[in-house]
């Protein structure tokens, strides 16, 4: 499932940098590789407080992944309402929530069998 041009871990690192650059909150990585029939290797999840911030987070991620790996999302959705933006890089799927939508959908609980890593900003 992993494209030959980059590794999932390298892509995940750039996604996190894009989130940090735009002050995304509560960044977590769900490693789904050991879960049977998982649709991807990793989920990277964060939230923001407004439509402009969610759009800025998504734009920052796409800019970093294209610039550094020439990797564009295979699929994007959620920009219309910007309550939950999804960027699908096939083996890494990014979920950018508005805070109340993140609390409502609770992806972390839905995928509780995943290995969960909480990311802390490097200052």
PDB file of N, CA and C in Angstrom:
ATOM      1  N   UNK A   1       0.819  -1.201   0.000  1.00  0.00           N
ATOM      2  CA  UNK A   1       0.000   0.000   0.000  1.00  0.00           C
ATOM      3  C   UNK A   1       0.862   1.264   0.000  1.00  0.00           C
ATOM      4  N   UNK A   2       2.080   1.204   0.491  1.00  0.00           N
ATOM      5  CA  UNK A   2       2.930   2.379   0.575  1.00  0.00           C
ATOM      6  C   UNK A   2       3.504   2.739  -0.788  1.00  0.00           C
ATOM      7  N   UNK A   3       3.287   3.966  -1.250  1.00  0.00           N
ATOM      8  CA  UNK A   3       3.888   4.373  -2.512  1.00  0.00           C
ATOM      9  C   UNK A   3       5.410   4.322  -2.430  1.00  0.00           C
ATOM     10  N   UNK A   4       6.045   4.030  -3.548  1.00  0.00           N
ATOM     11  CA  UNK A   4       7.495   3.896  -3.586  1.00  0.00           C
ATOM     12  C   UNK A   4       8.224   5.217  -3.381  1.00  0.00           C
ATOM     13  N   UNK A   5       7.577   6.348  -3.643  1.00  0.00           N
ATOM     14  CA  UNK A   5       8.286   7.619  -3.629  1.00  0.00           C
ATOM     15  C   UNK A   5       8.512   8.191  -2.238  1.00  0.00           C
ATOM     16  N   UNK A   6       7.796   7.706  -1.228  1.00  0.00           N
ATOM     17  CA  UNK A   6       7.996   8.199   0.127  1.00  0.00           C
ATOM     18  C   UNK A   6       7.504   7.166   1.124  1.00  0.00           C
ATOM     19  N   UNK A   7       7.907   7.324   2.351  1.00  0.00           N
ATOM     20  CA  UNK A   7       7.495   6.438   3.429  1.00  0.00           C
ATOM     21  C   UNK A   7       6.380   7.104   4.235  1.00  0.00           C
ATOM     22  N   UNK A   8       5.513   6.301   4.812  1.00  0.00           N
ATOM     23  CA  UNK A   8       4.409   6.822   5.625  1.00  0.00           C
ATOM     24  C   UNK A   8       4.906   7.698   6.760  1.00  0.00           C
ATOM     25  N   UNK A   9       6.011   7.292   7.399  1.00  0.00           N
ATOM     26  CA  UNK A   9       6.529   8.039   8.537  1.00  0.00           C
ATOM     27  C   UNK A   9       7.026   9.421   8.120  1.00  0.00           C
ATOM     28  N   UNK A  10       7.674   9.495   6.965  1.00  0.00           N
ATOM     29  CA  UNK A  10       8.156  10.776   6.456  1.00  0.00           C
ATOM     30  C   UNK A  10       6.984  11.695   6.122  1.00  0.00           C
ATOM     31  N   UNK A  11       5.960  11.138   5.491  1.00  0.00           N
ATOM     32  CA  UNK A  11       4.771  11.903   5.161  1.00  0.00           C
ATOM     33  C   UNK A  11       4.080  12.383   6.437  1.00  0.00           C
ATOM     34  N   UNK A  12       3.949  11.499   7.414  1.00  0.00           N
ATOM     35  CA  UNK A  12       3.313  11.861   8.684  1.00  0.00           C
ATOM     36  C   UNK A  12       4.050  13.002   9.360  1.00  0.00           C
ATOM     37  N   UNK A  13       5.365  12.961   9.339  1.00  0.00           N
ATOM     38  CA  UNK A  13       6.166  14.026   9.941  1.00  0.00           C
ATOM     39  C   UNK A  13       5.891  15.380   9.278  1.00  0.00           C
ATOM     40  N   UNK A  14       5.797  15.408   7.968  1.00  0.00           N
ATOM     41  CA  UNK A  14       5.500  16.661   7.261  1.00  0.00           C
ATOM     42  C   UNK A  14       4.083  17.141   7.543  1.00  0.00           C
ATOM     43  N   UNK A  15       3.153  16.215   7.663  1.00  0.00           N
ATOM     44  CA  UNK A  15       1.773  16.579   7.995  1.00  0.00           C
ATOM     45  C   UNK A  15       1.732  17.259   9.360  1.00  0.00           C
ATOM     46  N   UNK A  16       2.446  16.695  10.310  1.00  0.00           N
ATOM     47  CA  UNK A  16       2.496  17.280  11.658  1.00  0.00           C
ATOM     48  C   UNK A  16       3.129  18.664  11.615  1.00  0.00           C
ATOM     49  N   UNK A  17       4.187  18.841  10.832  1.00  0.00           N
ATOM     50  CA  UNK A  17       4.805  20.164  10.702  1.00  0.00           C
ATOM     51  C   UNK A  17       3.799  21.178  10.164  1.00  0.00           C
ATOM     52  N   UNK A  18       3.017  20.773   9.173  1.00  0.00           N
ATOM     53  CA  UNK A  18       1.994  21.667   8.623  1.00  0.00           C
ATOM     54  C   UNK A  18       0.953  22.035   9.664  1.00  0.00           C
ATOM     55  N   UNK A  19       0.609  21.082  10.510  1.00  0.00           N
ATOM     56  CA  UNK A  19      -0.340  21.353  11.597  1.00  0.00           C
ATOM     57  C   UNK A  19       0.270  22.314  12.614  1.00  0.00           C
ATOM     58  N   UNK A  20       1.511  22.065  12.992  1.00  0.00           N
ATOM     59  CA  UNK A  20       2.187  22.936  13.969  1.00  0.00           C
ATOM     60  C   UNK A  20       2.284  24.364  13.462  1.00  0.00           C
ATOM     61  N   UNK A  21       2.612  24.517  12.187  1.00  0.00           N
ATOM     62  CA  UNK A  21       2.785  25.851  11.605  1.00  0.00           C
ATOM     63  C   UNK A  21       1.517  26.694  11.673  1.00  0.00           C
ATOM     64  N   UNK A  22       0.374  26.047  11.791  1.00  0.00           N
ATOM     65  CA  UNK A  22      -0.898  26.759  11.806  1.00  0.00           C
ATOM     66  C   UNK A  22      -1.624  26.610  13.137  1.00  0.00           C
ATOM     67  N   UNK A  23      -0.863  26.239  14.175  1.00  0.00           N
ATOM     68  CA  UNK A  23      -1.376  26.188  15.556  1.00  0.00           C
ATOM     69  C   UNK A  23      -2.550  25.220  15.747  1.00  0.00           C
ATOM     70  N   UNK A  24      -2.500  24.076  15.051  1.00  0.00           N
ATOM     71  CA  UNK A  24      -3.520  23.048  15.260  1.00  0.00           C
ATOM     72  C   UNK A  24      -3.445  22.555  16.699  1.00  0.00           C
ATOM     73  N   UNK A  25      -4.557  22.108  17.216  1.00  0.00           N
ATOM     74  CA  UNK A  25      -4.639  21.675  18.612  1.00  0.00           C
ATOM     75  C   UNK A  25      -4.777  20.158  18.705  1.00  0.00           C
ATOM     76  N   UNK A  26      -4.230  19.613  19.805  1.00  0.00           N
ATOM     77  CA  UNK A  26      -4.377  18.202  20.172  1.00  0.00           C
ATOM     78  C   UNK A  26      -4.097  17.259  18.998  1.00  0.00           C
ATOM     79  N   UNK A  27      -2.877  17.316  18.500  1.00  0.00           N
ATOM     80  CA  UNK A  27      -2.462  16.466  17.380  1.00  0.00           C
ATOM     81  C   UNK A  27      -2.193  15.056  17.898  1.00  0.00           C
ATOM     82  N   UNK A  28      -2.824  14.077  17.255  1.00  0.00           N
ATOM     83  CA  UNK A  28      -2.547  12.684  17.598  1.00  0.00           C
ATOM     84  C   UNK A  28      -2.338  11.871  16.328  1.00  0.00           C
ATOM     85  N   UNK A  29      -1.578  10.792  16.482  1.00  0.00           N
ATOM     86  CA  UNK A  29      -1.338   9.855  15.391  1.00  0.00           C
ATOM     87  C   UNK A  29      -1.902   8.514  15.822  1.00  0.00           C
ATOM     88  N   UNK A  30      -2.745   7.937  14.998  1.00  0.00           N
ATOM     89  CA  UNK A  30      -3.257   6.594  15.235  1.00  0.00           C
ATOM     90  C   UNK A  30      -2.568   5.665  14.252  1.00  0.00           C
ATOM     91  N   UNK A  31      -1.782   4.736  14.787  1.00  0.00           N
ATOM     92  CA  UNK A  31      -1.092   3.746  13.967  1.00  0.00           C
ATOM     93  C   UNK A  31      -2.038   2.557  13.812  1.00  0.00           C
ATOM     94  N   UNK A  32      -2.520   2.351  12.602  1.00  0.00           N
ATOM     95  CA  UNK A  32      -3.511   1.311  12.325  1.00  0.00           C
ATOM     96  C   UNK A  32      -2.898   0.079  11.655  1.00  0.00           C
ATOM     97  N   UNK A  33      -1.588   0.022  11.552  1.00  0.00           N
ATOM     98  CA  UNK A  33      -0.933  -1.032  10.787  1.00  0.00           C
ATOM     99  C   UNK A  33      -1.180  -2.440  11.333  1.00  0.00           C
ATOM    100  N   UNK A  34      -1.401  -2.562  12.628  1.00  0.00           N
ATOM    101  CA  UNK A  34      -1.614  -3.886  13.222  1.00  0.00           C
ATOM    102  C   UNK A  34      -3.090  -4.255  13.343  1.00  0.00           C
ATOM    103  N   UNK A  35      -3.958  -3.434  12.774  1.00  0.00           N
ATOM    104  CA  UNK A  35      -5.397  -3.703  12.845  1.00  0.00           C
ATOM    105  C   UNK A  35      -5.827  -4.347  11.532  1.00  0.00           C
ATOM    106  N   UNK A  36      -6.390  -5.538  11.634  1.00  0.00           N
ATOM    107  CA  UNK A  36      -6.864  -6.246  10.442  1.00  0.00           C
ATOM    108  C   UNK A  36      -7.898  -5.408   9.702  1.00  0.00           C
ATOM    109  N   UNK A  37      -7.760  -5.364   8.403  1.00  0.00           N
ATOM    110  CA  UNK A  37      -8.700  -4.698   7.502  1.00  0.00           C
ATOM    111  C   UNK A  37      -8.771  -3.179   7.694  1.00  0.00           C
ATOM    112  N   UNK A  38      -7.755  -2.590   8.302  1.00  0.00           N
ATOM    113  CA  UNK A  38      -7.711  -1.124   8.405  1.00  0.00           C
ATOM    114  C   UNK A  38      -7.567  -0.551   6.997  1.00  0.00           C
ATOM    115  N   UNK A  39      -8.178   0.573   6.778  1.00  0.00           N
ATOM    116  CA  UNK A  39      -8.205   1.163   5.439  1.00  0.00           C
ATOM    117  C   UNK A  39      -6.965   1.974   5.103  1.00  0.00           C
ATOM    118  N   UNK A  40      -6.100   2.180   6.080  1.00  0.00           N
ATOM    119  CA  UNK A  40      -4.898   2.977   5.895  1.00  0.00           C
ATOM    120  C   UNK A  40      -3.881   2.585   6.962  1.00  0.00           C
ATOM    121  N   UNK A  41      -2.670   3.108   6.876  1.00  0.00           N
ATOM    122  CA  UNK A  41      -1.652   2.830   7.889  1.00  0.00           C
ATOM    123  C   UNK A  41      -1.753   3.763   9.091  1.00  0.00           C
ATOM    124  N   UNK A  42      -2.052   5.037   8.813  1.00  0.00           N
ATOM    125  CA  UNK A  42      -2.088   6.043   9.879  1.00  0.00           C
ATOM    126  C   UNK A  42      -3.256   7.002   9.684  1.00  0.00           C
ATOM    127  N   UNK A  43      -3.835   7.428  10.794  1.00  0.00           N
ATOM    128  CA  UNK A  43      -4.683   8.606  10.848  1.00  0.00           C
ATOM    129  C   UNK A  43      -3.882   9.657  11.606  1.00  0.00           C
ATOM    130  N   UNK A  44      -3.889  10.883  11.120  1.00  0.00           N
ATOM    131  CA  UNK A  44      -3.329  12.007  11.861  1.00  0.00           C
ATOM    132  C   UNK A  44      -4.506  12.955  12.081  1.00  0.00           C
ATOM    133  N   UNK A  45      -4.780  13.248  13.346  1.00  0.00           N
ATOM    134  CA  UNK A  45      -5.980  13.993  13.714  1.00  0.00           C
ATOM    135  C   UNK A  45      -5.600  15.243  14.496  1.00  0.00           C
ATOM    136  N   UNK A  46      -6.297  16.332  14.222  1.00  0.00           N
ATOM    137  CA  UNK A  46      -6.125  17.567  14.989  1.00  0.00           C
ATOM    138  C   UNK A  46      -7.437  18.337  14.934  1.00  0.00           C
ATOM    139  N   UNK A  47      -7.474  19.456  15.636  1.00  0.00           N
ATOM    140  CA  UNK A  47      -8.628  20.335  15.501  1.00  0.00           C
ATOM    141  C   UNK A  47      -8.196  21.795  15.555  1.00  0.00           C
ATOM    142  N   UNK A  48      -9.100  22.624  15.075  1.00  0.00           N
ATOM    143  CA  UNK A  48      -8.923  24.066  15.101  1.00  0.00           C
ATOM    144  C   UNK A  48     -10.223  24.698  15.554  1.00  0.00           C
ATOM    145  N   UNK A  49     -10.230  26.012  15.587  1.00  0.00           N
ATOM    146  CA  UNK A  49     -11.377  26.695  16.188  1.00  0.00           C
ATOM    147  C   UNK A  49     -12.303  27.387  15.195  1.00  0.00           C
ATOM    148  N   UNK A  50     -11.893  27.489  13.927  1.00  0.00           N
ATOM    149  CA  UNK A  50     -12.707  28.236  12.970  1.00  0.00           C
ATOM    150  C   UNK A  50     -12.492  27.700  11.554  1.00  0.00           C
ATOM    151  N   UNK A  51     -13.411  28.049  10.675  1.00  0.00           N
ATOM    152  CA  UNK A  51     -13.283  27.645   9.277  1.00  0.00           C
ATOM    153  C   UNK A  51     -11.968  28.151   8.661  1.00  0.00           C
ATOM    154  N   UNK A  52     -11.610  29.431   8.855  1.00  0.00           N
ATOM    155  CA  UNK A  52     -10.335  29.885   8.290  1.00  0.00           C
ATOM    156  C   UNK A  52      -9.125  29.107   8.835  1.00  0.00           C
ATOM    157  N   UNK A  53      -9.148  28.762  10.122  1.00  0.00           N
ATOM    158  CA  UNK A  53      -8.022  28.014  10.667  1.00  0.00           C
ATOM    159  C   UNK A  53      -7.976  26.605  10.082  1.00  0.00           C
ATOM    160  N   UNK A  54      -9.113  25.931   9.980  1.00  0.00           N
ATOM    161  CA  UNK A  54      -9.123  24.587   9.403  1.00  0.00           C
ATOM    162  C   UNK A  54      -8.606  24.606   7.965  1.00  0.00           C
ATOM    163  N   UNK A  55      -9.037  25.585   7.201  1.00  0.00           N
ATOM    164  CA  UNK A  55      -8.555  25.721   5.817  1.00  0.00           C
ATOM    165  C   UNK A  55      -7.062  26.004   5.781  1.00  0.00           C
ATOM    166  N   UNK A  56      -6.577  26.838   6.706  1.00  0.00           N
ATOM    167  CA  UNK A  56      -5.145  27.149   6.768  1.00  0.00           C
ATOM    168  C   UNK A  56      -4.333  25.909   7.128  1.00  0.00           C
ATOM    169  N   UNK A  57      -4.827  25.101   8.054  1.00  0.00           N
ATOM    170  CA  UNK A  57      -4.138  23.860   8.424  1.00  0.00           C
ATOM    171  C   UNK A  57      -4.032  22.951   7.200  1.00  0.00           C
ATOM    172  N   UNK A  58      -5.147  22.743   6.511  1.00  0.00           N
ATOM    173  CA  UNK A  58      -5.159  21.879   5.327  1.00  0.00           C
ATOM    174  C   UNK A  58      -4.209  22.411   4.256  1.00  0.00           C
ATOM    175  N   UNK A  59      -4.268  23.707   3.993  1.00  0.00           N
ATOM    176  CA  UNK A  59      -3.399  24.315   2.983  1.00  0.00           C
ATOM    177  C   UNK A  59      -1.921  24.155   3.355  1.00  0.00           C
ATOM    178  N   UNK A  60      -1.597  24.324   4.623  1.00  0.00           N
ATOM    179  CA  UNK A  60      -0.215  24.189   5.090  1.00  0.00           C
ATOM    180  C   UNK A  60       0.289  22.759   4.891  1.00  0.00           C
ATOM    181  N   UNK A  61      -0.558  21.790   5.206  1.00  0.00           N
ATOM    182  CA  UNK A  61      -0.184  20.379   5.027  1.00  0.00           C
ATOM    183  C   UNK A  61       0.076  20.078   3.559  1.00  0.00           C
ATOM    184  N   UNK A  62      -0.844  20.479   2.697  1.00  0.00           N
ATOM    185  CA  UNK A  62      -0.691  20.205   1.267  1.00  0.00           C
ATOM    186  C   UNK A  62       0.563  20.887   0.726  1.00  0.00           C
ATOM    187  N   UNK A  63       0.790  22.126   1.134  1.00  0.00           N
ATOM    188  CA  UNK A  63       1.978  22.851   0.677  1.00  0.00           C
ATOM    189  C   UNK A  63       3.260  22.108   1.079  1.00  0.00           C
ATOM    190  N   UNK A  64       3.342  21.660   2.334  1.00  0.00           N
ATOM    191  CA  UNK A  64       4.545  20.967   2.808  1.00  0.00           C
ATOM    192  C   UNK A  64       4.750  19.629   2.110  1.00  0.00           C
ATOM    193  N   UNK A  65       3.669  18.870   1.931  1.00  0.00           N
ATOM    194  CA  UNK A  65       3.832  17.548   1.319  1.00  0.00           C
ATOM    195  C   UNK A  65       4.180  17.647  -0.165  1.00  0.00           C
ATOM    196  N   UNK A  66       3.615  18.621  -0.845  1.00  0.00           N
ATOM    197  CA  UNK A  66       3.938  18.807  -2.255  1.00  0.00           C
ATOM    198  C   UNK A  66       5.377  19.305  -2.404  1.00  0.00           C
ATOM    199  N   UNK A  67       5.747  20.297  -1.601  1.00  0.00           N
ATOM    200  CA  UNK A  67       7.079  20.890  -1.701  1.00  0.00           C
ATOM    201  C   UNK A  67       8.177  19.877  -1.384  1.00  0.00           C
ATOM    202  N   UNK A  68       7.994  19.081  -0.332  1.00  0.00           N
ATOM    203  CA  UNK A  68       9.063  18.205   0.132  1.00  0.00           C
ATOM    204  C   UNK A  68       9.043  16.800  -0.463  1.00  0.00           C
ATOM    205  N   UNK A  69       7.858  16.291  -0.798  1.00  0.00           N
ATOM    206  CA  UNK A  69       7.768  14.916  -1.304  1.00  0.00           C
ATOM    207  C   UNK A  69       7.080  14.815  -2.662  1.00  0.00           C
ATOM    208  N   UNK A  70       6.588  15.954  -3.150  1.00  0.00           N
ATOM    209  CA  UNK A  70       5.779  15.960  -4.372  1.00  0.00           C
ATOM    210  C   UNK A  70       4.574  15.037  -4.212  1.00  0.00           C
ATOM    211  N   UNK A  71       4.067  14.956  -2.986  1.00  0.00           N
ATOM    212  CA  UNK A  71       2.916  14.108  -2.668  1.00  0.00           C
ATOM    213  C   UNK A  71       1.670  14.969  -2.508  1.00  0.00           C
ATOM    214  N   UNK A  72       0.707  14.746  -3.378  1.00  0.00           N
ATOM    215  CA  UNK A  72      -0.579  15.437  -3.293  1.00  0.00           C
ATOM    216  C   UNK A  72      -1.607  14.471  -2.714  1.00  0.00           C
ATOM    217  N   UNK A  73      -2.600  14.993  -2.002  1.00  0.00           N
ATOM    218  CA  UNK A  73      -3.655  14.092  -1.526  1.00  0.00           C
ATOM    219  C   UNK A  73      -4.360  13.427  -2.702  1.00  0.00           C
ATOM    220  N   UNK A  74      -4.636  12.154  -2.546  1.00  0.00           N
ATOM    221  CA  UNK A  74      -5.385  11.412  -3.546  1.00  0.00           C
ATOM    222  C   UNK A  74      -6.835  11.888  -3.570  1.00  0.00           C
ATOM    223  N   UNK A  75      -7.320  12.272  -2.395  1.00  0.00           N
ATOM    224  CA  UNK A  75      -8.707  12.734  -2.269  1.00  0.00           C
ATOM    225  C   UNK A  75      -8.771  13.794  -1.175  1.00  0.00           C
ATOM    226  N   UNK A  76      -9.596  14.819  -1.387  1.00  0.00           N
ATOM    227  CA  UNK A  76      -9.826  15.869  -0.387  1.00  0.00           C
ATOM    228  C   UNK A  76     -11.326  16.087  -0.278  1.00  0.00           C
ATOM    229  N   UNK A  77     -11.792  16.348   0.944  1.00  0.00           N
ATOM    230  CA  UNK A  77     -13.199  16.705   1.099  1.00  0.00           C
ATOM    231  C   UNK A  77     -13.410  17.488   2.376  1.00  0.00           C
ATOM    232  N   UNK A  78     -14.562  18.160   2.445  1.00  0.00           N
ATOM    233  CA  UNK A  78     -14.950  18.895   3.641  1.00  0.00           C
ATOM    234  C   UNK A  78     -14.647  20.371   3.612  1.00  0.00           C
ATOM    235  N   UNK A  79     -14.139  20.883   2.517  1.00  0.00           N
ATOM    236  CA  UNK A  79     -13.777  22.295   2.458  1.00  0.00           C
ATOM    237  C   UNK A  79     -14.996  23.205   2.399  1.00  0.00           C
ATOM    238  N   UNK A  80     -16.134  22.679   1.946  1.00  0.00           N
ATOM    239  CA  UNK A  80     -17.326  23.522   1.802  1.00  0.00           C
ATOM    240  C   UNK A  80     -17.773  24.071   3.161  1.00  0.00           C
ATOM    241  N   UNK A  81     -17.954  23.178   4.126  1.00  0.00           N
ATOM    242  CA  UNK A  81     -18.412  23.594   5.457  1.00  0.00           C
ATOM    243  C   UNK A  81     -17.263  23.778   6.431  1.00  0.00           C
ATOM    244  N   UNK A  82     -16.145  23.141   6.158  1.00  0.00           N
ATOM    245  CA  UNK A  82     -14.949  23.204   7.004  1.00  0.00           C
ATOM    246  C   UNK A  82     -15.265  22.903   8.466  1.00  0.00           C
ATOM    247  N   UNK A  83     -16.006  21.829   8.670  1.00  0.00           N
ATOM    248  CA  UNK A  83     -16.224  21.316  10.021  1.00  0.00           C
ATOM    249  C   UNK A  83     -15.345  20.088  10.252  1.00  0.00           C
ATOM    250  N   UNK A  84     -15.089  19.346   9.166  1.00  0.00           N
ATOM    251  CA  UNK A  84     -14.236  18.165   9.181  1.00  0.00           C
ATOM    252  C   UNK A  84     -13.612  18.061   7.802  1.00  0.00           C
ATOM    253  N   UNK A  85     -12.352  18.439   7.692  1.00  0.00           N
ATOM    254  CA  UNK A  85     -11.629  18.359   6.421  1.00  0.00           C
ATOM    255  C   UNK A  85     -10.818  17.074   6.423  1.00  0.00           C
ATOM    256  N   UNK A  86     -10.891  16.347   5.322  1.00  0.00           N
ATOM    257  CA  UNK A  86     -10.161  15.100   5.176  1.00  0.00           C
ATOM    258  C   UNK A  86      -9.188  15.221   4.014  1.00  0.00           C
ATOM    259  N   UNK A  87      -7.941  14.840   4.255  1.00  0.00           N
ATOM    260  CA  UNK A  87      -6.924  14.755   3.209  1.00  0.00           C
ATOM    261  C   UNK A  87      -6.457  13.306   3.174  1.00  0.00           C
ATOM    262  N   UNK A  88      -6.689  12.626   2.063  1.00  0.00           N
ATOM    263  CA  UNK A  88      -6.374  11.202   1.942  1.00  0.00           C
ATOM    264  C   UNK A  88      -5.130  11.025   1.083  1.00  0.00           C
ATOM    265  N   UNK A  89      -4.050  10.607   1.734  1.00  0.00           N
ATOM    266  CA  UNK A  89      -2.796  10.313   1.038  1.00  0.00           C
ATOM    267  C   UNK A  89      -2.623   8.803   0.856  1.00  0.00           C
ATOM    268  N   UNK A  90      -3.678   8.050   0.874  1.00  0.00           N
ATOM    269  CA  UNK A  90      -3.784   6.609   0.747  1.00  0.00           C
ATOM    270  C   UNK A  90      -3.323   5.899   2.010  1.00  0.00           C
ATOM    271  N   UNK A  91      -2.023   5.910   2.327  1.00  0.00           N
ATOM    272  CA  UNK A  91      -1.598   5.214   3.541  1.00  0.00           C
ATOM    273  C   UNK A  91      -1.485   6.126   4.753  1.00  0.00           C
ATOM    274  N   UNK A  92      -1.796   7.393   4.587  1.00  0.00           N
ATOM    275  CA  UNK A  92      -1.936   8.334   5.701  1.00  0.00           C
ATOM    276  C   UNK A  92      -3.176   9.171   5.410  1.00  0.00           C
ATOM    277  N   UNK A  93      -4.108   9.181   6.347  1.00  0.00           N
ATOM    278  CA  UNK A  93      -5.327   9.968   6.176  1.00  0.00           C
ATOM    279  C   UNK A  93      -5.360  11.024   7.283  1.00  0.00           C
ATOM    280  N   UNK A  94      -5.547  12.273   6.880  1.00  0.00           N
ATOM    281  CA  UNK A  94      -5.538  13.409   7.779  1.00  0.00           C
ATOM    282  C   UNK A  94      -6.978  13.844   8.056  1.00  0.00           C
ATOM    283  N   UNK A  95      -7.284  14.022   9.343  1.00  0.00           N
ATOM    284  CA  UNK A  95      -8.598  14.504   9.761  1.00  0.00           C
ATOM    285  C   UNK A  95      -8.391  15.823  10.511  1.00  0.00           C
ATOM    286  N   UNK A  96      -8.960  16.894   9.976  1.00  0.00           N
ATOM    287  CA  UNK A  96      -8.844  18.215  10.587  1.00  0.00           C
ATOM    288  C   UNK A  96     -10.265  18.634  10.986  1.00  0.00           C
ATOM    289  N   UNK A  97     -10.513  18.639  12.274  1.00  0.00           N
ATOM    290  CA  UNK A  97     -11.848  18.901  12.789  1.00  0.00           C
ATOM    291  C   UNK A  97     -11.982  20.297  13.360  1.00  0.00           C
ATOM    292  N   UNK A  98     -13.208  20.818  13.330  1.00  0.00           N
ATOM    293  CA  UNK A  98     -13.567  21.899  14.230  1.00  0.00           C
ATOM    294  C   UNK A  98     -13.777  21.211  15.575  1.00  0.00           C
ATOM    295  N   UNK A  99     -13.415  21.866  16.660  1.00  0.00           N
ATOM    296  CA  UNK A  99     -13.367  21.209  17.969  1.00  0.00           C
ATOM    297  C   UNK A  99     -14.670  20.489  18.341  1.00  0.00           C
ATOM    298  N   UNK A 100     -15.811  21.121  18.146  1.00  0.00           N
ATOM    299  CA  UNK A 100     -17.075  20.473  18.522  1.00  0.00           C
ATOM    300  C   UNK A 100     -17.374  19.241  17.667  1.00  0.00           C
ATOM    301  N   UNK A 101     -16.959  19.245  16.407  1.00  0.00           N
ATOM    302  CA  UNK A 101     -17.162  18.084  15.535  1.00  0.00           C
ATOM    303  C   UNK A 101     -16.244  16.927  15.963  1.00  0.00           C
ATOM    304  N   UNK A 102     -15.043  17.263  16.394  1.00  0.00           N
ATOM    305  CA  UNK A 102     -14.129  16.222  16.877  1.00  0.00           C
ATOM    306  C   UNK A 102     -14.708  15.533  18.105  1.00  0.00           C
ATOM    307  N   UNK A 103     -15.251  16.317  19.010  1.00  0.00           N
ATOM    308  CA  UNK A 103     -15.874  15.746  20.214  1.00  0.00           C
ATOM    309  C   UNK A 103     -17.073  14.881  19.846  1.00  0.00           C
ATOM    310  N   UNK A 104     -17.821  15.289  18.840  1.00  0.00           N
ATOM    311  CA  UNK A 104     -19.006  14.544  18.433  1.00  0.00           C
ATOM    312  C   UNK A 104     -18.644  13.193  17.803  1.00  0.00           C
ATOM    313  N   UNK A 105     -17.698  13.183  16.864  1.00  0.00           N
ATOM    314  CA  UNK A 105     -17.374  11.959  16.128  1.00  0.00           C
ATOM    315  C   UNK A 105     -16.431  11.018  16.881  1.00  0.00           C
ATOM    316  N   UNK A 106     -15.564  11.546  17.717  1.00  0.00           N
ATOM    317  CA  UNK A 106     -14.686  10.753  18.580  1.00  0.00           C
ATOM    318  C   UNK A 106     -13.956   9.622  17.839  1.00  0.00           C
ATOM    319  N   UNK A 107     -13.242   9.958  16.779  1.00  0.00           N
ATOM    320  CA  UNK A 107     -12.509   8.945  16.024  1.00  0.00           C
ATOM    321  C   UNK A 107     -11.517   8.175  16.881  1.00  0.00           C
ATOM    322  N   UNK A 108     -10.929   8.861  17.858  1.00  0.00           N
ATOM    323  CA  UNK A 108      -9.960   8.192  18.727  1.00  0.00           C
ATOM    324  C   UNK A 108     -10.602   7.018  19.456  1.00  0.00           C
ATOM    325  N   UNK A 109     -11.850   7.162  19.859  1.00  0.00           N
ATOM    326  CA  UNK A 109     -12.552   6.069  20.548  1.00  0.00           C
ATOM    327  C   UNK A 109     -12.989   4.993  19.564  1.00  0.00           C
ATOM    328  N   UNK A 110     -13.388   5.414  18.368  1.00  0.00           N
ATOM    329  CA  UNK A 110     -13.804   4.464  17.350  1.00  0.00           C
ATOM    330  C   UNK A 110     -12.653   3.530  16.971  1.00  0.00           C
ATOM    331  N   UNK A 111     -11.444   4.063  16.932  1.00  0.00           N
ATOM    332  CA  UNK A 111     -10.253   3.293  16.587  1.00  0.00           C
ATOM    333  C   UNK A 111      -9.393   3.062  17.831  1.00  0.00           C
ATOM    334  N   UNK A 112     -10.012   2.747  18.932  1.00  0.00           N
ATOM    335  CA  UNK A 112      -9.312   2.590  20.216  1.00  0.00           C
ATOM    336  C   UNK A 112      -8.277   1.470  20.205  1.00  0.00           C
ATOM    337  N   UNK A 113      -8.375   0.524  19.269  1.00  0.00           N
ATOM    338  CA  UNK A 113      -7.389  -0.562  19.176  1.00  0.00           C
ATOM    339  C   UNK A 113      -6.076  -0.101  18.554  1.00  0.00           C
ATOM    340  N   UNK A 114      -6.054   1.080  17.986  1.00  0.00           N
ATOM    341  CA  UNK A 114      -4.842   1.599  17.347  1.00  0.00           C
ATOM    342  C   UNK A 114      -3.814   2.000  18.404  1.00  0.00           C
ATOM    343  N   UNK A 115      -2.576   2.019  17.988  1.00  0.00           N
ATOM    344  CA  UNK A 115      -1.512   2.558  18.829  1.00  0.00           C
ATOM    345  C   UNK A 115      -1.596   4.085  18.698  1.00  0.00           C
ATOM    346  N   UNK A 116      -1.913   4.770  19.792  1.00  0.00           N
ATOM    347  CA  UNK A 116      -2.167   6.211  19.752  1.00  0.00           C
ATOM    348  C   UNK A 116      -0.970   6.965  20.322  1.00  0.00           C
ATOM    349  N   UNK A 117      -0.487   7.928  19.550  1.00  0.00           N
ATOM    350  CA  UNK A 117       0.606   8.786  19.991  1.00  0.00           C
ATOM    351  C   UNK A 117       0.103  10.217  20.035  1.00  0.00           C
ATOM    352  N   UNK A 118       0.240  10.859  21.200  1.00  0.00           N
ATOM    353  CA  UNK A 118      -0.109  12.266  21.333  1.00  0.00           C
ATOM    354  C   UNK A 118       1.117  13.082  20.994  1.00  0.00           C
ATOM    355  N   UNK A 119       0.957  13.997  20.072  1.00  0.00           N
ATOM    356  CA  UNK A 119       2.086  14.822  19.629  1.00  0.00           C
ATOM    357  C   UNK A 119       2.130  16.097  20.470  1.00  0.00           C
ATOM    358  N   UNK A 120       3.326  16.435  20.916  1.00  0.00           N
ATOM    359  CA  UNK A 120       3.520  17.673  21.673  1.00  0.00           C
ATOM    360  C   UNK A 120       4.431  18.587  20.875  1.00  0.00           C
ATOM    361  N   UNK A 121       4.057  19.859  20.815  1.00  0.00           N
ATOM    362  CA  UNK A 121       4.847  20.838  20.052  1.00  0.00           C
ATOM    363  C   UNK A 121       6.276  20.907  20.560  1.00  0.00           C
ATOM    364  N   UNK A 122       7.188  21.019  19.591  1.00  0.00           N
ATOM    365  CA  UNK A 122       8.595  21.253  19.924  1.00  0.00           C
ATOM    366  C   UNK A 122       8.803  22.760  19.909  1.00  0.00           C
ATOM    367  N   UNK A 123       9.228  23.305  21.031  1.00  0.00           N
ATOM    368  CA  UNK A 123       9.403  24.773  21.076  1.00  0.00           C
ATOM    369  C   UNK A 123      10.849  25.141  21.206  1.00  0.00           C
TER     370      UNK A 123
END
